[in-house]
Amino acid sequence: MTNKPAFTEKKFIVTFVFVTSLFLMWGLLHSMSDVLNKHFQNVLNLSKSQSGLIQFSVFGAYFIMSIPAGYF
């Protein structure tokens, strides 16, 4: 009978679940930002260009922060 290698060691299960759930929540919240953006336009009386600036800021932050994160 052959033993299959474990996917991860038992001591790392909690950390694995925590990191995986953080990425799941990050993805869910990021996809909700598109839906919320339309509601923000209505509630805060934002124009399409102001709303686009919000989206540009979010994706621009990914670009800007990737440089120091890459050095780190």
C-alpha atoms as a PDB file:
ATOM      1  CA  MET A   1       0.000   0.000   0.000  1.00  0.00           C
ATOM      2  CA  THR A   2       1.511   3.344  -1.035  1.00  0.00           C
ATOM      3  CA  ASN A   3       1.163   6.481   1.008  1.00  0.00           C
ATOM      4  CA  LYS A   4       0.075   9.576  -0.876  1.00  0.00           C
ATOM      5  CA  PRO A   5       1.980  12.735  -0.007  1.00  0.00           C
ATOM      6  CA  ALA A   6      -0.074  15.171   2.023  1.00  0.00           C
ATOM      7  CA  PHE A   7      -1.313  18.319   0.305  1.00  0.00           C
ATOM      8  CA  THR A   8      -0.031  20.336   3.231  1.00  0.00           C
ATOM      9  CA  GLU A   9       1.215  19.530   6.670  1.00  0.00           C
ATOM     10  CA  LYS A  10      -1.339  19.608   9.449  1.00  0.00           C
ATOM     11  CA  LYS A  11       0.375  22.527  11.181  1.00  0.00           C
ATOM     12  CA  PHE A  12      -0.207  24.724   8.109  1.00  0.00           C
ATOM     13  CA  ILE A  13      -3.922  23.949   7.633  1.00  0.00           C
ATOM     14  CA  VAL A  14      -5.147  26.961   9.647  1.00  0.00           C
ATOM     15  CA  THR A  15      -2.783  29.322   7.830  1.00  0.00           C
ATOM     16  CA  PHE A  16      -3.761  27.867   4.449  1.00  0.00           C
ATOM     17  CA  VAL A  17      -7.482  28.302   5.173  1.00  0.00           C
ATOM     18  CA  PHE A  18      -6.904  31.845   6.445  1.00  0.00           C
ATOM     19  CA  VAL A  19      -4.914  32.971   3.393  1.00  0.00           C
ATOM     20  CA  THR A  20      -7.323  31.264   0.989  1.00  0.00           C
ATOM     21  CA  SER A  21     -10.340  32.904   2.626  1.00  0.00           C
ATOM     22  CA  LEU A  22      -8.616  36.310   2.473  1.00  0.00           C
ATOM     23  CA  PHE A  23      -8.124  35.961  -1.284  1.00  0.00           C
ATOM     24  CA  LEU A  24     -11.760  34.865  -1.650  1.00  0.00           C
ATOM     25  CA  MET A  25     -12.991  37.906   0.284  1.00  0.00           C
ATOM     26  CA  TRP A  26     -10.643  40.198  -1.661  1.00  0.00           C
ATOM     27  CA  GLY A  27     -12.021  38.902  -4.957  1.00  0.00           C
ATOM     28  CA  LEU A  28     -15.630  39.219  -3.819  1.00  0.00           C
ATOM     29  CA  LEU A  29     -15.169  42.764  -2.550  1.00  0.00           C
ATOM     30  CA  HIS A  30     -13.277  43.778  -5.665  1.00  0.00           C
ATOM     31  CA  SER A  31     -16.052  42.491  -7.916  1.00  0.00           C
ATOM     32  CA  MET A  32     -18.644  44.287  -5.779  1.00  0.00           C
ATOM     33  CA  SER A  33     -16.888  47.612  -6.326  1.00  0.00           C
ATOM     34  CA  ASP A  34     -18.229  47.757  -9.896  1.00  0.00           C
ATOM     35  CA  VAL A  35     -21.795  47.348  -8.653  1.00  0.00           C
ATOM     36  CA  LEU A  36     -21.322  49.804  -5.799  1.00  0.00           C
ATOM     37  CA  ASN A  37     -19.785  52.346  -8.159  1.00  0.00           C
ATOM     38  CA  LYS A  38     -23.142  52.805  -9.925  1.00  0.00           C
ATOM     39  CA  HIS A  39     -24.896  53.305  -6.592  1.00  0.00           C
ATOM     40  CA  PHE A  40     -22.239  55.802  -5.519  1.00  0.00           C
ATOM     41  CA  GLN A  41     -22.947  57.755  -8.702  1.00  0.00           C
ATOM     42  CA  ASN A  42     -26.596  58.054  -7.728  1.00  0.00           C
ATOM     43  CA  VAL A  43     -26.182  58.704  -4.000  1.00  0.00           C
ATOM     44  CA  LEU A  44     -23.185  61.045  -4.156  1.00  0.00           C
ATOM     45  CA  ASN A  45     -24.203  62.736  -7.431  1.00  0.00           C
ATOM     46  CA  LEU A  46     -20.973  61.741  -9.188  1.00  0.00           C
ATOM     47  CA  SER A  47     -20.492  62.201 -12.896  1.00  0.00           C
ATOM     48  CA  LYS A  48     -19.241  59.373 -15.107  1.00  0.00           C
ATOM     49  CA  SER A  49     -15.770  60.938 -15.227  1.00  0.00           C
ATOM     50  CA  GLN A  50     -15.606  61.202 -11.430  1.00  0.00           C
ATOM     51  CA  SER A  51     -16.760  57.624 -11.169  1.00  0.00           C
ATOM     52  CA  GLY A  52     -14.124  56.593 -13.693  1.00  0.00           C
ATOM     53  CA  LEU A  53     -11.503  58.366 -11.608  1.00  0.00           C
ATOM     54  CA  ILE A  54     -12.440  56.127  -8.678  1.00  0.00           C
ATOM     55  CA  GLN A  55     -11.911  53.017 -10.821  1.00  0.00           C
ATOM     56  CA  PHE A  56      -8.651  54.447 -12.190  1.00  0.00           C
ATOM     57  CA  SER A  57      -7.441  55.078  -8.642  1.00  0.00           C
ATOM     58  CA  VAL A  58      -8.140  51.490  -7.593  1.00  0.00           C
ATOM     59  CA  PHE A  59      -6.328  49.942 -10.549  1.00  0.00           C
ATOM     60  CA  GLY A  60      -3.609  52.603 -10.450  1.00  0.00           C
ATOM     61  CA  ALA A  61      -2.903  51.620  -6.847  1.00  0.00           C
ATOM     62  CA  TYR A  62      -2.232  48.056  -8.029  1.00  0.00           C
ATOM     63  CA  PHE A  63       0.342  49.389 -10.489  1.00  0.00           C
ATOM     64  CA  ILE A  64       1.972  51.817  -8.051  1.00  0.00           C
ATOM     65  CA  MET A  65       2.187  49.351  -5.171  1.00  0.00           C
ATOM     66  CA  SER A  66       3.485  46.513  -7.338  1.00  0.00           C
ATOM     67  CA  ILE A  67       6.841  48.283  -7.730  1.00  0.00           C
ATOM     68  CA  PRO A  68       7.774  48.467  -4.012  1.00  0.00           C
ATOM     69  CA  ALA A  69       6.189  45.056  -3.415  1.00  0.00           C
ATOM     70  CA  GLY A  70       8.416  43.619  -6.130  1.00  0.00           C
ATOM     71  CA  TYR A  71      11.504  45.116  -4.502  1.00  0.00           C
ATOM     72  CA  PHE A  72      10.429  43.773  -1.121  1.00  0.00           C
END
